[in-house]
N, C-alpha and C. Protein backbone atom coordinates (compact mmCIF):
# COMPACT_ATOMS: atom_id res chain seq x y z
N UNK A 1 -38.05 -40.60 -7.71
CA UNK A 1 -37.58 -40.25 -6.38
C UNK A 1 -36.64 -39.06 -6.43
N UNK A 2 -35.74 -38.98 -7.39
CA UNK A 2 -34.83 -37.86 -7.50
C UNK A 2 -35.57 -36.55 -7.78
N UNK A 3 -36.61 -36.61 -8.55
CA UNK A 3 -37.39 -35.41 -8.86
C UNK A 3 -38.04 -34.86 -7.60
N UNK A 4 -38.56 -35.74 -6.76
CA UNK A 4 -39.20 -35.33 -5.51
C UNK A 4 -38.17 -34.69 -4.59
N UNK A 5 -37.01 -35.28 -4.49
CA UNK A 5 -35.94 -34.74 -3.64
C UNK A 5 -35.52 -33.37 -4.17
N UNK A 6 -35.37 -33.23 -5.48
CA UNK A 6 -34.97 -31.96 -6.06
C UNK A 6 -36.00 -30.88 -5.78
N UNK A 7 -37.28 -31.24 -5.83
CA UNK A 7 -38.34 -30.25 -5.55
C UNK A 7 -38.31 -29.80 -4.10
N UNK A 8 -37.94 -30.71 -3.20
CA UNK A 8 -37.88 -30.36 -1.79
C UNK A 8 -36.64 -29.53 -1.48
N UNK A 9 -35.56 -29.81 -2.13
CA UNK A 9 -34.30 -29.11 -1.90
C UNK A 9 -34.34 -27.71 -2.50
N UNK A 10 -34.96 -27.54 -3.64
CA UNK A 10 -34.98 -26.26 -4.33
C UNK A 10 -35.55 -25.13 -3.46
N UNK A 11 -36.74 -25.29 -2.83
CA UNK A 11 -37.21 -24.20 -1.97
C UNK A 11 -36.30 -23.93 -0.77
N UNK A 12 -35.67 -24.98 -0.27
CA UNK A 12 -34.78 -24.82 0.88
C UNK A 12 -33.55 -23.99 0.48
N UNK A 13 -33.03 -24.21 -0.72
CA UNK A 13 -31.86 -23.46 -1.19
C UNK A 13 -32.23 -22.07 -1.70
N UNK A 14 -33.43 -21.89 -2.16
CA UNK A 14 -33.84 -20.61 -2.73
C UNK A 14 -33.86 -19.50 -1.68
N UNK A 15 -34.35 -19.78 -0.50
CA UNK A 15 -34.45 -18.75 0.55
C UNK A 15 -33.07 -18.20 0.94
N UNK A 16 -32.07 -19.04 1.25
CA UNK A 16 -30.75 -18.47 1.60
C UNK A 16 -30.11 -17.70 0.45
N UNK A 17 -30.31 -18.17 -0.77
CA UNK A 17 -29.75 -17.46 -1.92
C UNK A 17 -30.41 -16.10 -2.07
N UNK A 18 -31.72 -16.04 -1.90
CA UNK A 18 -32.45 -14.77 -2.00
C UNK A 18 -31.99 -13.80 -0.92
N UNK A 19 -31.81 -14.28 0.29
CA UNK A 19 -31.34 -13.43 1.39
C UNK A 19 -29.94 -12.91 1.09
N UNK A 20 -29.08 -13.76 0.57
CA UNK A 20 -27.71 -13.35 0.23
C UNK A 20 -27.72 -12.26 -0.84
N UNK A 21 -28.53 -12.44 -1.87
CA UNK A 21 -28.61 -11.46 -2.95
C UNK A 21 -29.15 -10.13 -2.43
N UNK A 22 -30.17 -10.18 -1.58
CA UNK A 22 -30.72 -8.95 -1.01
C UNK A 22 -29.70 -8.26 -0.11
N UNK A 23 -28.95 -9.04 0.63
CA UNK A 23 -27.92 -8.45 1.50
C UNK A 23 -26.86 -7.74 0.68
N UNK A 24 -26.48 -8.32 -0.45
CA UNK A 24 -25.50 -7.66 -1.32
C UNK A 24 -26.06 -6.36 -1.87
N UNK A 25 -27.32 -6.36 -2.22
CA UNK A 25 -27.94 -5.14 -2.75
C UNK A 25 -28.01 -4.05 -1.71
N UNK A 26 -28.27 -4.39 -0.47
CA UNK A 26 -28.36 -3.41 0.60
C UNK A 26 -26.97 -2.93 1.01
N UNK A 27 -26.00 -3.82 0.94
CA UNK A 27 -24.66 -3.49 1.40
C UNK A 27 -24.04 -2.34 0.62
N UNK A 28 -24.26 -2.30 -0.66
CA UNK A 28 -23.73 -1.19 -1.45
C UNK A 28 -24.75 -0.81 -2.51
N UNK A 29 -25.52 0.19 -2.20
CA UNK A 29 -26.55 0.63 -3.13
C UNK A 29 -26.19 1.97 -3.75
N UNK A 30 -24.93 2.38 -3.63
CA UNK A 30 -24.53 3.64 -4.24
C UNK A 30 -24.72 3.55 -5.75
N UNK A 31 -24.78 4.70 -6.38
CA UNK A 31 -25.05 4.73 -7.81
C UNK A 31 -23.95 5.47 -8.55
N UNK A 32 -23.92 5.27 -9.84
CA UNK A 32 -23.00 6.03 -10.69
C UNK A 32 -23.50 7.47 -10.76
N UNK A 33 -22.61 8.43 -10.86
CA UNK A 33 -23.05 9.83 -10.93
C UNK A 33 -23.61 10.16 -12.32
N UNK A 34 -24.45 11.18 -12.35
CA UNK A 34 -24.87 11.70 -13.65
C UNK A 34 -23.66 12.37 -14.28
N UNK A 35 -23.73 12.67 -15.55
CA UNK A 35 -22.57 13.30 -16.20
C UNK A 35 -22.28 14.65 -15.58
N UNK A 36 -23.31 15.38 -15.20
CA UNK A 36 -23.10 16.69 -14.55
C UNK A 36 -22.44 16.52 -13.18
N UNK A 37 -22.93 15.56 -12.39
CA UNK A 37 -22.34 15.31 -11.07
C UNK A 37 -20.87 14.91 -11.21
N UNK A 38 -20.58 14.03 -12.17
CA UNK A 38 -19.20 13.58 -12.36
C UNK A 38 -18.29 14.75 -12.71
N UNK A 39 -18.75 15.62 -13.58
CA UNK A 39 -17.95 16.79 -13.97
C UNK A 39 -17.71 17.69 -12.76
N UNK A 40 -18.76 17.96 -11.99
CA UNK A 40 -18.62 18.82 -10.81
C UNK A 40 -17.70 18.20 -9.77
N UNK A 41 -17.84 16.90 -9.53
CA UNK A 41 -17.02 16.23 -8.52
C UNK A 41 -15.55 16.24 -8.94
N UNK A 42 -15.29 15.98 -10.22
CA UNK A 42 -13.89 16.01 -10.70
C UNK A 42 -13.28 17.40 -10.53
N UNK A 43 -14.04 18.44 -10.87
CA UNK A 43 -13.53 19.80 -10.74
C UNK A 43 -13.33 20.18 -9.28
N UNK A 44 -14.33 19.92 -8.46
CA UNK A 44 -14.28 20.35 -7.06
C UNK A 44 -13.28 19.54 -6.24
N UNK A 45 -13.11 18.25 -6.54
CA UNK A 45 -12.15 17.44 -5.79
C UNK A 45 -10.73 17.97 -5.97
N UNK A 46 -10.41 18.42 -7.14
CA UNK A 46 -9.05 18.92 -7.42
C UNK A 46 -8.73 20.20 -6.66
N UNK A 47 -9.75 20.91 -6.18
CA UNK A 47 -9.52 22.11 -5.38
C UNK A 47 -8.83 21.78 -4.06
N UNK A 48 -8.98 20.55 -3.59
CA UNK A 48 -8.43 20.14 -2.29
C UNK A 48 -7.14 19.34 -2.42
N UNK A 49 -6.64 19.20 -3.63
CA UNK A 49 -5.43 18.40 -3.87
C UNK A 49 -4.29 19.30 -4.31
N UNK A 50 -3.16 19.20 -3.63
CA UNK A 50 -2.00 20.04 -3.95
C UNK A 50 -1.23 19.45 -5.12
N UNK A 51 -0.72 20.30 -5.96
CA UNK A 51 0.08 19.86 -7.09
C UNK A 51 -0.75 19.64 -8.34
N UNK A 52 -0.08 19.12 -9.36
CA UNK A 52 -0.73 18.91 -10.65
C UNK A 52 -0.85 17.43 -10.97
N UNK A 53 -1.61 17.15 -12.01
CA UNK A 53 -1.70 15.79 -12.53
C UNK A 53 -2.63 14.85 -11.80
N UNK A 54 -3.53 15.38 -11.00
CA UNK A 54 -4.44 14.52 -10.25
C UNK A 54 -5.52 13.95 -11.16
N UNK A 55 -5.77 12.67 -11.00
CA UNK A 55 -6.84 12.00 -11.72
C UNK A 55 -7.91 11.59 -10.73
N UNK A 56 -9.16 11.87 -11.07
CA UNK A 56 -10.30 11.54 -10.22
C UNK A 56 -11.12 10.50 -10.97
N UNK A 57 -11.32 9.34 -10.35
CA UNK A 57 -12.05 8.26 -11.02
C UNK A 57 -12.86 7.49 -9.98
N UNK A 58 -13.57 6.48 -10.44
CA UNK A 58 -14.31 5.61 -9.53
C UNK A 58 -15.35 6.34 -8.71
N UNK A 59 -16.01 7.31 -9.29
CA UNK A 59 -16.96 8.13 -8.54
C UNK A 59 -18.25 7.35 -8.30
N UNK A 60 -18.73 7.40 -7.06
CA UNK A 60 -20.01 6.81 -6.66
C UNK A 60 -20.75 7.81 -5.79
N UNK A 61 -22.05 7.89 -5.97
CA UNK A 61 -22.90 8.80 -5.19
C UNK A 61 -23.78 7.96 -4.29
N UNK A 62 -23.93 8.37 -3.05
CA UNK A 62 -24.74 7.62 -2.08
C UNK A 62 -26.21 7.71 -2.44
N UNK A 63 -26.90 6.59 -2.28
CA UNK A 63 -28.36 6.60 -2.43
C UNK A 63 -29.04 6.81 -1.09
N UNK A 64 -28.31 6.68 0.00
CA UNK A 64 -28.85 6.96 1.33
C UNK A 64 -28.99 8.47 1.50
N UNK A 65 -27.97 9.22 1.06
CA UNK A 65 -27.97 10.68 1.13
C UNK A 65 -27.19 11.17 -0.09
N UNK A 66 -27.91 11.68 -1.07
CA UNK A 66 -27.30 12.08 -2.34
C UNK A 66 -26.34 13.24 -2.27
N UNK A 67 -26.17 13.83 -1.09
CA UNK A 67 -25.21 14.92 -0.96
C UNK A 67 -23.82 14.40 -0.59
N UNK A 68 -23.65 13.08 -0.59
CA UNK A 68 -22.33 12.48 -0.32
C UNK A 68 -21.90 11.64 -1.51
N UNK A 69 -20.60 11.67 -1.79
CA UNK A 69 -20.04 10.88 -2.87
C UNK A 69 -18.62 10.46 -2.49
N UNK A 70 -18.10 9.47 -3.20
CA UNK A 70 -16.70 9.08 -3.01
C UNK A 70 -16.04 9.06 -4.37
N UNK A 71 -14.73 9.23 -4.36
CA UNK A 71 -13.95 9.18 -5.59
C UNK A 71 -12.54 8.71 -5.27
N UNK A 72 -11.96 7.98 -6.19
CA UNK A 72 -10.56 7.60 -6.07
C UNK A 72 -9.73 8.71 -6.70
N UNK A 73 -8.66 9.10 -6.02
CA UNK A 73 -7.79 10.15 -6.54
C UNK A 73 -6.36 9.63 -6.60
N UNK A 74 -5.66 10.01 -7.65
CA UNK A 74 -4.25 9.60 -7.78
C UNK A 74 -3.51 10.67 -8.56
N UNK A 75 -2.32 10.97 -8.10
CA UNK A 75 -1.48 11.96 -8.77
C UNK A 75 -0.58 11.24 -9.77
N UNK A 76 -0.92 11.37 -11.02
CA UNK A 76 -0.16 10.69 -12.07
C UNK A 76 -0.33 9.19 -12.00
N UNK A 77 0.57 8.47 -12.67
CA UNK A 77 0.47 7.01 -12.69
C UNK A 77 1.06 6.35 -11.46
N UNK A 78 2.11 6.95 -10.92
CA UNK A 78 2.80 6.32 -9.78
C UNK A 78 2.83 7.20 -8.55
N UNK A 79 2.07 8.26 -8.57
CA UNK A 79 2.08 9.20 -7.45
C UNK A 79 1.16 8.78 -6.31
N UNK A 80 1.02 9.69 -5.38
CA UNK A 80 0.17 9.46 -4.22
C UNK A 80 -1.27 9.26 -4.66
N UNK A 81 -2.01 8.54 -3.84
CA UNK A 81 -3.40 8.30 -4.16
C UNK A 81 -4.19 7.94 -2.92
N UNK A 82 -5.48 7.90 -3.05
CA UNK A 82 -6.35 7.55 -1.94
C UNK A 82 -7.81 7.67 -2.33
N UNK A 83 -8.65 7.62 -1.31
CA UNK A 83 -10.09 7.76 -1.49
C UNK A 83 -10.53 9.09 -0.89
N UNK A 84 -11.37 9.79 -1.60
CA UNK A 84 -11.90 11.06 -1.12
C UNK A 84 -13.41 10.92 -0.95
N UNK A 85 -13.89 11.35 0.20
CA UNK A 85 -15.33 11.42 0.44
C UNK A 85 -15.70 12.89 0.36
N UNK A 86 -16.71 13.18 -0.44
CA UNK A 86 -17.12 14.57 -0.67
C UNK A 86 -18.54 14.80 -0.19
N UNK A 87 -18.82 16.03 0.21
CA UNK A 87 -20.15 16.42 0.69
C UNK A 87 -20.60 17.65 -0.09
N UNK A 88 -21.77 17.58 -0.67
CA UNK A 88 -22.31 18.68 -1.46
C UNK A 88 -23.01 19.67 -0.53
N UNK A 89 -22.47 20.91 -0.51
CA UNK A 89 -23.08 21.99 0.28
C UNK A 89 -23.06 23.25 -0.56
N UNK A 90 -24.19 23.90 -0.64
CA UNK A 90 -24.31 25.17 -1.36
C UNK A 90 -23.84 25.05 -2.81
N UNK A 91 -24.10 23.88 -3.43
CA UNK A 91 -23.76 23.69 -4.83
C UNK A 91 -22.30 23.36 -5.12
N UNK A 92 -21.49 23.14 -4.07
CA UNK A 92 -20.07 22.82 -4.25
C UNK A 92 -19.77 21.53 -3.48
N UNK A 93 -19.03 20.64 -4.13
CA UNK A 93 -18.61 19.40 -3.48
C UNK A 93 -17.37 19.69 -2.63
N UNK A 94 -17.50 19.53 -1.31
CA UNK A 94 -16.41 19.80 -0.37
C UNK A 94 -15.80 18.49 0.11
N UNK A 95 -14.50 18.51 0.36
CA UNK A 95 -13.83 17.33 0.90
C UNK A 95 -14.30 17.09 2.33
N UNK A 96 -14.81 15.90 2.59
CA UNK A 96 -15.16 15.51 3.96
C UNK A 96 -14.06 14.62 4.55
N UNK A 97 -13.34 13.89 3.66
CA UNK A 97 -12.29 13.00 4.12
C UNK A 97 -11.39 12.67 2.93
N UNK A 98 -10.11 12.53 3.20
CA UNK A 98 -9.15 12.10 2.19
C UNK A 98 -8.14 11.21 2.86
N UNK A 99 -7.96 10.00 2.35
CA UNK A 99 -6.99 9.10 2.95
C UNK A 99 -7.00 7.74 2.30
N UNK A 100 -6.23 6.84 2.92
CA UNK A 100 -6.15 5.47 2.43
C UNK A 100 -6.70 4.47 3.44
N UNK A 101 -6.98 4.93 4.65
CA UNK A 101 -7.58 4.06 5.67
C UNK A 101 -8.26 4.95 6.72
N UNK A 102 -8.79 4.35 7.75
CA UNK A 102 -9.53 5.04 8.81
C UNK A 102 -10.75 5.78 8.28
N UNK A 103 -11.40 5.20 7.27
CA UNK A 103 -12.58 5.84 6.68
C UNK A 103 -13.71 5.98 7.70
N UNK A 104 -13.76 5.06 8.65
CA UNK A 104 -14.85 5.08 9.63
C UNK A 104 -14.75 6.27 10.58
N UNK A 105 -13.61 6.95 10.59
CA UNK A 105 -13.46 8.14 11.44
C UNK A 105 -13.90 9.41 10.72
N UNK A 106 -14.31 9.29 9.47
CA UNK A 106 -14.74 10.46 8.70
C UNK A 106 -16.02 11.04 9.29
N UNK A 107 -16.17 12.36 9.24
CA UNK A 107 -17.37 13.01 9.78
C UNK A 107 -18.56 12.85 8.83
N UNK A 108 -18.92 11.60 8.60
CA UNK A 108 -19.98 11.23 7.65
C UNK A 108 -20.85 10.19 8.35
N UNK A 109 -22.18 10.24 8.15
CA UNK A 109 -23.03 9.22 8.78
C UNK A 109 -22.60 7.80 8.39
N UNK A 110 -22.65 6.89 9.34
CA UNK A 110 -22.19 5.51 9.12
C UNK A 110 -22.99 4.83 8.01
N UNK A 111 -24.29 5.12 7.92
CA UNK A 111 -25.10 4.51 6.85
C UNK A 111 -24.59 4.94 5.48
N UNK A 112 -24.15 6.18 5.37
CA UNK A 112 -23.61 6.69 4.11
C UNK A 112 -22.28 6.00 3.80
N UNK A 113 -21.43 5.86 4.81
CA UNK A 113 -20.14 5.19 4.61
C UNK A 113 -20.36 3.76 4.11
N UNK A 114 -21.29 3.05 4.73
CA UNK A 114 -21.58 1.68 4.30
C UNK A 114 -22.14 1.67 2.88
N UNK A 115 -22.98 2.63 2.56
CA UNK A 115 -23.58 2.73 1.22
C UNK A 115 -22.50 2.97 0.17
N UNK A 116 -21.48 3.72 0.52
CA UNK A 116 -20.40 4.03 -0.43
C UNK A 116 -19.35 2.91 -0.51
N UNK A 117 -19.54 1.85 0.27
CA UNK A 117 -18.65 0.70 0.17
C UNK A 117 -17.61 0.59 1.25
N UNK A 118 -17.63 1.48 2.23
CA UNK A 118 -16.70 1.40 3.36
C UNK A 118 -17.39 0.60 4.46
N UNK A 119 -16.75 -0.40 4.99
CA UNK A 119 -17.36 -1.26 6.00
C UNK A 119 -17.08 -0.72 7.39
N UNK A 120 -18.07 -0.07 7.95
CA UNK A 120 -17.91 0.52 9.29
C UNK A 120 -18.88 -0.11 10.28
């Protein structure tokens, strides 16, 4: 009797779990940058940051539109920091947004923002 119950319960539980896993995959499908992209993004992001000692990390490239990326920026270990959204135009990564909140107000398509992990 327990085996029969387990067989009936398993398909019922499988569908919600599959939907949950698919939803997670769709929610953030951004990818890690290639080594060339990472190098370019690190160099170009620093063009928009005043002062020295900026570290650029946590780079992700959108799979919805590969001309958008995000990166975490921080000045030194205890300095200012935030998230930068970059847009690739004419071979140069340009700052589209820099801040610690209000990401949904960035001049970036909402699907791209969601792909990069910002919930808009």
